[in-house]
């Protein structure tokens, strides 16, 4: 996902709102039961990772399990343990 957390500036101190919307969407889709394999629509919409690359399932898993992002979503719970069991 690059040298910076997706959805945040390089120093991690400010939110990039356009990317934050994608972060919220990815988390909503996960909570609705969608697999990280469903990344084709992000690519079709022209959404890229923080490195400017197309989204792959491993990028989504990384985003969902990122302590940096997950702590801002659910501080007391962290990332769901089931993410570790996902496979490409």
PDB file of N, CA and C in Angstrom:
ATOM      1  N   UNK A   1       0.811  -1.187   0.000  1.00  0.00           N
ATOM      2  CA  UNK A   1       0.000   0.000   0.000  1.00  0.00           C
ATOM      3  C   UNK A   1       0.853   1.249   0.000  1.00  0.00           C
ATOM      4  N   UNK A   2       2.095   1.123  -0.212  1.00  0.00           N
ATOM      5  CA  UNK A   2       2.929   2.309  -0.303  1.00  0.00           C
ATOM      6  C   UNK A   2       3.565   2.665   1.014  1.00  0.00           C
ATOM      7  N   UNK A   3       4.269   3.789   0.999  1.00  0.00           N
ATOM      8  CA  UNK A   3       4.964   4.246   2.189  1.00  0.00           C
ATOM      9  C   UNK A   3       4.065   5.033   3.119  1.00  0.00           C
ATOM     10  N   UNK A   4       2.875   5.324   2.691  1.00  0.00           N
ATOM     11  CA  UNK A   4       1.939   6.045   3.552  1.00  0.00           C
ATOM     12  C   UNK A   4       0.655   5.239   3.663  1.00  0.00           C
ATOM     13  N   UNK A   5      -0.012   5.357   4.787  1.00  0.00           N
ATOM     14  CA  UNK A   5      -1.293   4.659   4.923  1.00  0.00           C
ATOM     15  C   UNK A   5      -2.308   5.242   3.947  1.00  0.00           C
ATOM     16  N   UNK A   6      -3.034   4.382   3.266  1.00  0.00           N
ATOM     17  CA  UNK A   6      -4.042   4.841   2.324  1.00  0.00           C
ATOM     18  C   UNK A   6      -5.099   5.629   3.093  1.00  0.00           C
ATOM     19  N   UNK A   7      -5.399   6.812   2.596  1.00  0.00           N
ATOM     20  CA  UNK A   7      -6.385   7.676   3.238  1.00  0.00           C
ATOM     21  C   UNK A   7      -5.772   8.780   4.074  1.00  0.00           C
ATOM     22  N   UNK A   8      -4.455   8.765   4.213  1.00  0.00           N
ATOM     23  CA  UNK A   8      -3.749   9.747   5.036  1.00  0.00           C
ATOM     24  C   UNK A   8      -2.588  10.371   4.268  1.00  0.00           C
ATOM     25  N   UNK A   9      -2.186  11.557   4.686  1.00  0.00           N
ATOM     26  CA  UNK A   9      -1.017  12.207   4.102  1.00  0.00           C
ATOM     27  C   UNK A   9       0.232  11.419   4.463  1.00  0.00           C
ATOM     28  N   UNK A  10       1.340  11.761   3.844  1.00  0.00           N
ATOM     29  CA  UNK A  10       2.593  11.045   4.053  1.00  0.00           C
ATOM     30  C   UNK A  10       3.023  10.949   5.499  1.00  0.00           C
ATOM     31  N   UNK A  11       2.745  11.973   6.300  1.00  0.00           N
ATOM     32  CA  UNK A  11       3.122  11.913   7.711  1.00  0.00           C
ATOM     33  C   UNK A  11       2.039  11.282   8.576  1.00  0.00           C
ATOM     34  N   UNK A  12       0.906  10.909   7.972  1.00  0.00           N
ATOM     35  CA  UNK A  12      -0.169  10.250   8.697  1.00  0.00           C
ATOM     36  C   UNK A  12      -0.963  11.160   9.610  1.00  0.00           C
ATOM     37  N   UNK A  13      -0.753  12.452   9.498  1.00  0.00           N
ATOM     38  CA  UNK A  13      -1.404  13.385  10.410  1.00  0.00           C
ATOM     39  C   UNK A  13      -2.692  13.981   9.869  1.00  0.00           C
ATOM     40  N   UNK A  14      -2.906  13.890   8.568  1.00  0.00           N
ATOM     41  CA  UNK A  14      -4.106  14.480   7.979  1.00  0.00           C
ATOM     42  C   UNK A  14      -4.797  13.463   7.075  1.00  0.00           C
ATOM     43  N   UNK A  15      -6.101  13.545   7.034  1.00  0.00           N
ATOM     44  CA  UNK A  15      -6.907  12.655   6.211  1.00  0.00           C
ATOM     45  C   UNK A  15      -7.022  13.224   4.805  1.00  0.00           C
ATOM     46  N   UNK A  16      -6.899  12.339   3.822  1.00  0.00           N
ATOM     47  CA  UNK A  16      -7.177  12.687   2.433  1.00  0.00           C
ATOM     48  C   UNK A  16      -8.612  12.212   2.187  1.00  0.00           C
ATOM     49  N   UNK A  17      -9.544  13.131   2.177  1.00  0.00           N
ATOM     50  CA  UNK A  17     -10.961  12.777   2.194  1.00  0.00           C
ATOM     51  C   UNK A  17     -11.374  11.872   1.042  1.00  0.00           C
ATOM     52  N   UNK A  18     -10.876  12.119  -0.156  1.00  0.00           N
ATOM     53  CA  UNK A  18     -11.227  11.273  -1.303  1.00  0.00           C
ATOM     54  C   UNK A  18     -10.833   9.814  -1.044  1.00  0.00           C
ATOM     55  N   UNK A  19      -9.655   9.599  -0.493  1.00  0.00           N
ATOM     56  CA  UNK A  19      -9.211   8.239  -0.176  1.00  0.00           C
ATOM     57  C   UNK A  19      -9.947   7.700   1.043  1.00  0.00           C
ATOM     58  N   UNK A  20     -10.257   8.557   1.994  1.00  0.00           N
ATOM     59  CA  UNK A  20     -10.978   8.121   3.194  1.00  0.00           C
ATOM     60  C   UNK A  20     -12.349   7.564   2.830  1.00  0.00           C
ATOM     61  N   UNK A  21     -12.977   8.126   1.800  1.00  0.00           N
ATOM     62  CA  UNK A  21     -14.261   7.595   1.330  1.00  0.00           C
ATOM     63  C   UNK A  21     -14.093   6.154   0.847  1.00  0.00           C
ATOM     64  N   UNK A  22     -12.985   5.875   0.162  1.00  0.00           N
ATOM     65  CA  UNK A  22     -12.716   4.514  -0.308  1.00  0.00           C
ATOM     66  C   UNK A  22     -12.456   3.599   0.887  1.00  0.00           C
ATOM     67  N   UNK A  23     -11.724   4.080   1.885  1.00  0.00           N
ATOM     68  CA  UNK A  23     -11.480   3.288   3.096  1.00  0.00           C
ATOM     69  C   UNK A  23     -12.811   2.922   3.736  1.00  0.00           C
ATOM     70  N   UNK A  24     -13.700   3.901   3.884  1.00  0.00           N
ATOM     71  CA  UNK A  24     -15.006   3.632   4.490  1.00  0.00           C
ATOM     72  C   UNK A  24     -15.798   2.627   3.652  1.00  0.00           C
ATOM     73  N   UNK A  25     -15.717   2.777   2.334  1.00  0.00           N
ATOM     74  CA  UNK A  25     -16.414   1.840   1.448  1.00  0.00           C
ATOM     75  C   UNK A  25     -15.881   0.425   1.614  1.00  0.00           C
ATOM     76  N   UNK A  26     -14.564   0.275   1.646  1.00  0.00           N
ATOM     77  CA  UNK A  26     -13.955  -1.055   1.792  1.00  0.00           C
ATOM     78  C   UNK A  26     -14.386  -1.685   3.118  1.00  0.00           C
ATOM     79  N   UNK A  27     -14.382  -0.918   4.194  1.00  0.00           N
ATOM     80  CA  UNK A  27     -14.809  -1.454   5.488  1.00  0.00           C
ATOM     81  C   UNK A  27     -16.298  -1.801   5.468  1.00  0.00           C
ATOM     82  N   UNK A  28     -17.127  -0.948   4.857  1.00  0.00           N
ATOM     83  CA  UNK A  28     -18.569  -1.250   4.759  1.00  0.00           C
ATOM     84  C   UNK A  28     -18.785  -2.553   4.005  1.00  0.00           C
ATOM     85  N   UNK A  29     -18.084  -2.703   2.901  1.00  0.00           N
ATOM     86  CA  UNK A  29     -18.234  -3.905   2.093  1.00  0.00           C
ATOM     87  C   UNK A  29     -17.779  -5.138   2.865  1.00  0.00           C
ATOM     88  N   UNK A  30     -16.705  -5.023   3.627  1.00  0.00           N
ATOM     89  CA  UNK A  30     -16.245  -6.141   4.453  1.00  0.00           C
ATOM     90  C   UNK A  30     -17.326  -6.502   5.476  1.00  0.00           C
ATOM     91  N   UNK A  31     -17.867  -5.495   6.144  1.00  0.00           N
ATOM     92  CA  UNK A  31     -18.895  -5.740   7.161  1.00  0.00           C
ATOM     93  C   UNK A  31     -20.171  -6.319   6.555  1.00  0.00           C
ATOM     94  N   UNK A  32     -20.399  -6.054   5.274  1.00  0.00           N
ATOM     95  CA  UNK A  32     -21.550  -6.628   4.571  1.00  0.00           C
ATOM     96  C   UNK A  32     -21.262  -8.038   4.068  1.00  0.00           C
ATOM     97  N   UNK A  33     -20.052  -8.541   4.329  1.00  0.00           N
ATOM     98  CA  UNK A  33     -19.721  -9.916   3.989  1.00  0.00           C
ATOM     99  C   UNK A  33     -18.979 -10.111   2.686  1.00  0.00           C
ATOM    100  N   UNK A  34     -18.566  -9.036   2.046  1.00  0.00           N
ATOM    101  CA  UNK A  34     -17.860  -9.166   0.767  1.00  0.00           C
ATOM    102  C   UNK A  34     -16.416  -9.604   0.968  1.00  0.00           C
ATOM    103  N   UNK A  35     -15.954 -10.443   0.085  1.00  0.00           N
ATOM    104  CA  UNK A  35     -14.576 -10.921   0.095  1.00  0.00           C
ATOM    105  C   UNK A  35     -13.643  -9.844  -0.463  1.00  0.00           C
ATOM    106  N   UNK A  36     -12.363  -9.852  -0.047  1.00  0.00           N
ATOM    107  CA  UNK A  36     -11.411  -8.906  -0.626  1.00  0.00           C
ATOM    108  C   UNK A  36     -11.093  -9.221  -2.088  1.00  0.00           C
ATOM    109  N   UNK A  37     -11.613 -10.327  -2.597  1.00  0.00           N
ATOM    110  CA  UNK A  37     -11.399 -10.658  -4.001  1.00  0.00           C
ATOM    111  C   UNK A  37     -12.188  -9.714  -4.905  1.00  0.00           C
ATOM    112  N   UNK A  38     -13.171  -9.013  -4.353  1.00  0.00           N
ATOM    113  CA  UNK A  38     -14.014  -8.125  -5.142  1.00  0.00           C
ATOM    114  C   UNK A  38     -13.400  -6.754  -5.338  1.00  0.00           C
ATOM    115  N   UNK A  39     -12.234  -6.696  -5.939  1.00  0.00           N
ATOM    116  CA  UNK A  39     -11.544  -5.413  -6.134  1.00  0.00           C
ATOM    117  C   UNK A  39     -11.675  -4.886  -7.556  1.00  0.00           C
ATOM    118  N   UNK A  40     -12.280  -5.650  -8.444  1.00  0.00           N
ATOM    119  CA  UNK A  40     -12.347  -5.259  -9.847  1.00  0.00           C
ATOM    120  C   UNK A  40     -13.070  -3.935 -10.037  1.00  0.00           C
ATOM    121  N   UNK A  41     -14.107  -3.677  -9.253  1.00  0.00           N
ATOM    122  CA  UNK A  41     -14.847  -2.438  -9.460  1.00  0.00           C
ATOM    123  C   UNK A  41     -14.031  -1.216  -9.054  1.00  0.00           C
ATOM    124  N   UNK A  42     -13.138  -1.350  -8.072  1.00  0.00           N
ATOM    125  CA  UNK A  42     -12.263  -0.222  -7.719  1.00  0.00           C
ATOM    126  C   UNK A  42     -11.377   0.121  -8.915  1.00  0.00           C
ATOM    127  N   UNK A  43     -10.838  -0.908  -9.523  1.00  0.00           N
ATOM    128  CA  UNK A  43      -9.994  -0.708 -10.701  1.00  0.00           C
ATOM    129  C   UNK A  43     -10.813  -0.121 -11.848  1.00  0.00           C
ATOM    130  N   UNK A  44     -12.002  -0.651 -12.071  1.00  0.00           N
ATOM    131  CA  UNK A  44     -12.854  -0.163 -13.160  1.00  0.00           C
ATOM    132  C   UNK A  44     -13.223   1.304 -12.974  1.00  0.00           C
ATOM    133  N   UNK A  45     -13.323   1.739 -11.721  1.00  0.00           N
ATOM    134  CA  UNK A  45     -13.656   3.132 -11.421  1.00  0.00           C
ATOM    135  C   UNK A  45     -12.425   4.031 -11.437  1.00  0.00           C
ATOM    136  N   UNK A  46     -11.256   3.448 -11.659  1.00  0.00           N
ATOM    137  CA  UNK A  46     -10.033   4.244 -11.719  1.00  0.00           C
ATOM    138  C   UNK A  46      -9.441   4.571 -10.360  1.00  0.00           C
ATOM    139  N   UNK A  47      -9.890   3.867  -9.314  1.00  0.00           N
ATOM    140  CA  UNK A  47      -9.353   4.083  -7.970  1.00  0.00           C
ATOM    141  C   UNK A  47      -8.028   3.335  -7.871  1.00  0.00           C
ATOM    142  N   UNK A  48      -6.985   4.019  -7.437  1.00  0.00           N
ATOM    143  CA  UNK A  48      -5.676   3.380  -7.306  1.00  0.00           C
ATOM    144  C   UNK A  48      -5.228   3.380  -5.848  1.00  0.00           C
ATOM    145  N   UNK A  49      -4.231   2.551  -5.554  1.00  0.00           N
ATOM    146  CA  UNK A  49      -3.647   2.494  -4.218  1.00  0.00           C
ATOM    147  C   UNK A  49      -2.804   3.749  -3.990  1.00  0.00           C
ATOM    148  N   UNK A  50      -2.232   3.873  -2.811  1.00  0.00           N
ATOM    149  CA  UNK A  50      -1.387   5.039  -2.524  1.00  0.00           C
ATOM    150  C   UNK A  50      -0.122   5.047  -3.380  1.00  0.00           C
ATOM    151  N   UNK A  51       0.210   3.915  -3.987  1.00  0.00           N
ATOM    152  CA  UNK A  51       1.348   3.839  -4.906  1.00  0.00           C
ATOM    153  C   UNK A  51       0.928   4.091  -6.352  1.00  0.00           C
ATOM    154  N   UNK A  52      -0.365   4.324  -6.585  1.00  0.00           N
ATOM    155  CA  UNK A  52      -0.855   4.562  -7.927  1.00  0.00           C
ATOM    156  C   UNK A  52      -1.089   3.292  -8.727  1.00  0.00           C
ATOM    157  N   UNK A  53      -1.156   2.150  -8.050  1.00  0.00           N
ATOM    158  CA  UNK A  53      -1.354   0.867  -8.721  1.00  0.00           C
ATOM    159  C   UNK A  53      -2.807   0.427  -8.592  1.00  0.00           C
ATOM    160  N   UNK A  54      -3.161  -0.586  -9.375  1.00  0.00           N
ATOM    161  CA  UNK A  54      -4.519  -1.124  -9.279  1.00  0.00           C
ATOM    162  C   UNK A  54      -4.655  -1.935  -7.990  1.00  0.00           C
ATOM    163  N   UNK A  55      -5.882  -1.974  -7.481  1.00  0.00           N
ATOM    164  CA  UNK A  55      -6.161  -2.709  -6.248  1.00  0.00           C
ATOM    165  C   UNK A  55      -6.128  -4.209  -6.499  1.00  0.00           C
ATOM    166  N   UNK A  56      -5.521  -4.921  -5.583  1.00  0.00           N
ATOM    167  CA  UNK A  56      -5.472  -6.373  -5.587  1.00  0.00           C
ATOM    168  C   UNK A  56      -6.044  -6.844  -4.251  1.00  0.00           C
ATOM    169  N   UNK A  57      -6.478  -8.093  -4.154  1.00  0.00           N
ATOM    170  CA  UNK A  57      -7.021  -8.578  -2.883  1.00  0.00           C
ATOM    171  C   UNK A  57      -6.069  -8.358  -1.702  1.00  0.00           C
ATOM    172  N   UNK A  58      -4.760  -8.500  -1.923  1.00  0.00           N
ATOM    173  CA  UNK A  58      -3.818  -8.305  -0.820  1.00  0.00           C
ATOM    174  C   UNK A  58      -3.796  -6.850  -0.334  1.00  0.00           C
ATOM    175  N   UNK A  59      -4.078  -5.894  -1.239  1.00  0.00           N
ATOM    176  CA  UNK A  59      -4.159  -4.492  -0.819  1.00  0.00           C
ATOM    177  C   UNK A  59      -5.349  -4.283   0.109  1.00  0.00           C
ATOM    178  N   UNK A  60      -6.465  -4.920  -0.217  1.00  0.00           N
ATOM    179  CA  UNK A  60      -7.669  -4.795   0.622  1.00  0.00           C
ATOM    180  C   UNK A  60      -7.424  -5.452   1.977  1.00  0.00           C
ATOM    181  N   UNK A  61      -6.827  -6.635   1.979  1.00  0.00           N
ATOM    182  CA  UNK A  61      -6.528  -7.308   3.257  1.00  0.00           C
ATOM    183  C   UNK A  61      -5.610  -6.443   4.107  1.00  0.00           C
ATOM    184  N   UNK A  62      -4.610  -5.835   3.472  1.00  0.00           N
ATOM    185  CA  UNK A  62      -3.679  -4.975   4.205  1.00  0.00           C
ATOM    186  C   UNK A  62      -4.421  -3.780   4.799  1.00  0.00           C
ATOM    187  N   UNK A  63      -5.286  -3.178   4.018  1.00  0.00           N
ATOM    188  CA  UNK A  63      -6.050  -2.034   4.500  1.00  0.00           C
ATOM    189  C   UNK A  63      -6.927  -2.432   5.691  1.00  0.00           C
ATOM    190  N   UNK A  64      -7.623  -3.554   5.568  1.00  0.00           N
ATOM    191  CA  UNK A  64      -8.514  -3.995   6.640  1.00  0.00           C
ATOM    192  C   UNK A  64      -7.773  -4.393   7.903  1.00  0.00           C
ATOM    193  N   UNK A  65      -6.563  -4.886   7.760  1.00  0.00           N
ATOM    194  CA  UNK A  65      -5.817  -5.341   8.935  1.00  0.00           C
ATOM    195  C   UNK A  65      -4.813  -4.309   9.442  1.00  0.00           C
ATOM    196  N   UNK A  66      -4.756  -3.158   8.797  1.00  0.00           N
ATOM    197  CA  UNK A  66      -3.806  -2.125   9.188  1.00  0.00           C
ATOM    198  C   UNK A  66      -4.138  -1.574  10.569  1.00  0.00           C
ATOM    199  N   UNK A  67      -3.200  -1.679  11.487  1.00  0.00           N
ATOM    200  CA  UNK A  67      -3.414  -1.104  12.815  1.00  0.00           C
ATOM    201  C   UNK A  67      -3.591   0.406  12.725  1.00  0.00           C
ATOM    202  N   UNK A  68      -2.924   1.028  11.802  1.00  0.00           N
ATOM    203  CA  UNK A  68      -3.014   2.477  11.655  1.00  0.00           C
ATOM    204  C   UNK A  68      -4.444   2.884  11.314  1.00  0.00           C
ATOM    205  N   UNK A  69      -5.040   2.202  10.350  1.00  0.00           N
ATOM    206  CA  UNK A  69      -6.403   2.537   9.935  1.00  0.00           C
ATOM    207  C   UNK A  69      -7.426   1.934  10.879  1.00  0.00           C
ATOM    208  N   UNK A  70      -7.257   0.682  11.242  1.00  0.00           N
ATOM    209  CA  UNK A  70      -8.255  -0.011  12.069  1.00  0.00           C
ATOM    210  C   UNK A  70      -8.431   0.653  13.427  1.00  0.00           C
ATOM    211  N   UNK A  71      -7.383   1.163  14.004  1.00  0.00           N
ATOM    212  CA  UNK A  71      -7.515   1.817  15.307  1.00  0.00           C
ATOM    213  C   UNK A  71      -8.406   3.044  15.221  1.00  0.00           C
ATOM    214  N   UNK A  72      -8.432   3.672  14.072  1.00  0.00           N
ATOM    215  CA  UNK A  72      -9.304   4.830  13.918  1.00  0.00           C
ATOM    216  C   UNK A  72     -10.748   4.410  13.714  1.00  0.00           C
ATOM    217  N   UNK A  73     -10.945   3.182  13.267  1.00  0.00           N
ATOM    218  CA  UNK A  73     -12.307   2.692  13.062  1.00  0.00           C
ATOM    219  C   UNK A  73     -12.890   2.141  14.345  1.00  0.00           C
ATOM    220  N   UNK A  74     -12.195   1.193  14.978  1.00  0.00           N
ATOM    221  CA  UNK A  74     -12.695   0.555  16.190  1.00  0.00           C
ATOM    222  C   UNK A  74     -11.531   0.411  17.162  1.00  0.00           C
ATOM    223  N   UNK A  75     -11.204   1.465  17.912  1.00  0.00           N
ATOM    224  CA  UNK A  75     -10.012   1.456  18.760  1.00  0.00           C
ATOM    225  C   UNK A  75      -9.945   0.288  19.729  1.00  0.00           C
ATOM    226  N   UNK A  76     -11.053  -0.090  20.313  1.00  0.00           N
ATOM    227  CA  UNK A  76     -11.020  -1.133  21.334  1.00  0.00           C
ATOM    228  C   UNK A  76     -10.958  -2.542  20.764  1.00  0.00           C
ATOM    229  N   UNK A  77     -11.212  -2.700  19.462  1.00  0.00           N
ATOM    230  CA  UNK A  77     -11.256  -4.040  18.897  1.00  0.00           C
ATOM    231  C   UNK A  77     -10.121  -4.352  17.945  1.00  0.00           C
ATOM    232  N   UNK A  78      -9.638  -3.378  17.209  1.00  0.00           N
ATOM    233  CA  UNK A  78      -8.608  -3.645  16.207  1.00  0.00           C
ATOM    234  C   UNK A  78      -9.200  -4.388  15.030  1.00  0.00           C
ATOM    235  N   UNK A  79      -8.348  -4.912  14.150  1.00  0.00           N
ATOM    236  CA  UNK A  79      -8.847  -5.577  12.947  1.00  0.00           C
ATOM    237  C   UNK A  79      -9.501  -6.916  13.281  1.00  0.00           C
ATOM    238  N   UNK A  80     -10.507  -7.310  12.528  1.00  0.00           N
ATOM    239  CA  UNK A  80     -11.148  -8.604  12.759  1.00  0.00           C
ATOM    240  C   UNK A  80     -10.166  -9.743  12.564  1.00  0.00           C
ATOM    241  N   UNK A  81     -10.222 -10.746  13.422  1.00  0.00           N
ATOM    242  CA  UNK A  81      -9.279 -11.864  13.333  1.00  0.00           C
ATOM    243  C   UNK A  81      -9.500 -12.695  12.072  1.00  0.00           C
ATOM    244  N   UNK A  82     -10.713 -12.681  11.508  1.00  0.00           N
ATOM    245  CA  UNK A  82     -10.975 -13.490  10.326  1.00  0.00           C
ATOM    246  C   UNK A  82     -10.196 -13.032   9.105  1.00  0.00           C
ATOM    247  N   UNK A  83      -9.696 -11.790   9.116  1.00  0.00           N
ATOM    248  CA  UNK A  83      -8.941 -11.297   7.974  1.00  0.00           C
ATOM    249  C   UNK A  83      -7.699 -12.137   7.742  1.00  0.00           C
ATOM    250  N   UNK A  84      -7.096 -12.625   8.821  1.00  0.00           N
ATOM    251  CA  UNK A  84      -5.876 -13.420   8.686  1.00  0.00           C
ATOM    252  C   UNK A  84      -6.114 -14.709   7.928  1.00  0.00           C
ATOM    253  N   UNK A  85      -7.362 -15.176   7.888  1.00  0.00           N
ATOM    254  CA  UNK A  85      -7.641 -16.452   7.233  1.00  0.00           C
ATOM    255  C   UNK A  85      -7.970 -16.298   5.750  1.00  0.00           C
ATOM    256  N   UNK A  86      -8.096 -15.065   5.248  1.00  0.00           N
ATOM    257  CA  UNK A  86      -8.428 -14.865   3.838  1.00  0.00           C
ATOM    258  C   UNK A  86      -7.265 -15.270   2.953  1.00  0.00           C
ATOM    259  N   UNK A  87      -7.581 -15.809   1.813  1.00  0.00           N
ATOM    260  CA  UNK A  87      -6.559 -16.214   0.849  1.00  0.00           C
ATOM    261  C   UNK A  87      -6.879 -15.581  -0.495  1.00  0.00           C
ATOM    262  N   UNK A  88      -5.844 -15.345  -1.289  1.00  0.00           N
ATOM    263  CA  UNK A  88      -6.055 -14.793  -2.642  1.00  0.00           C
ATOM    264  C   UNK A  88      -6.613 -15.854  -3.546  1.00  0.00           C
TER     265      UNK A  88
END
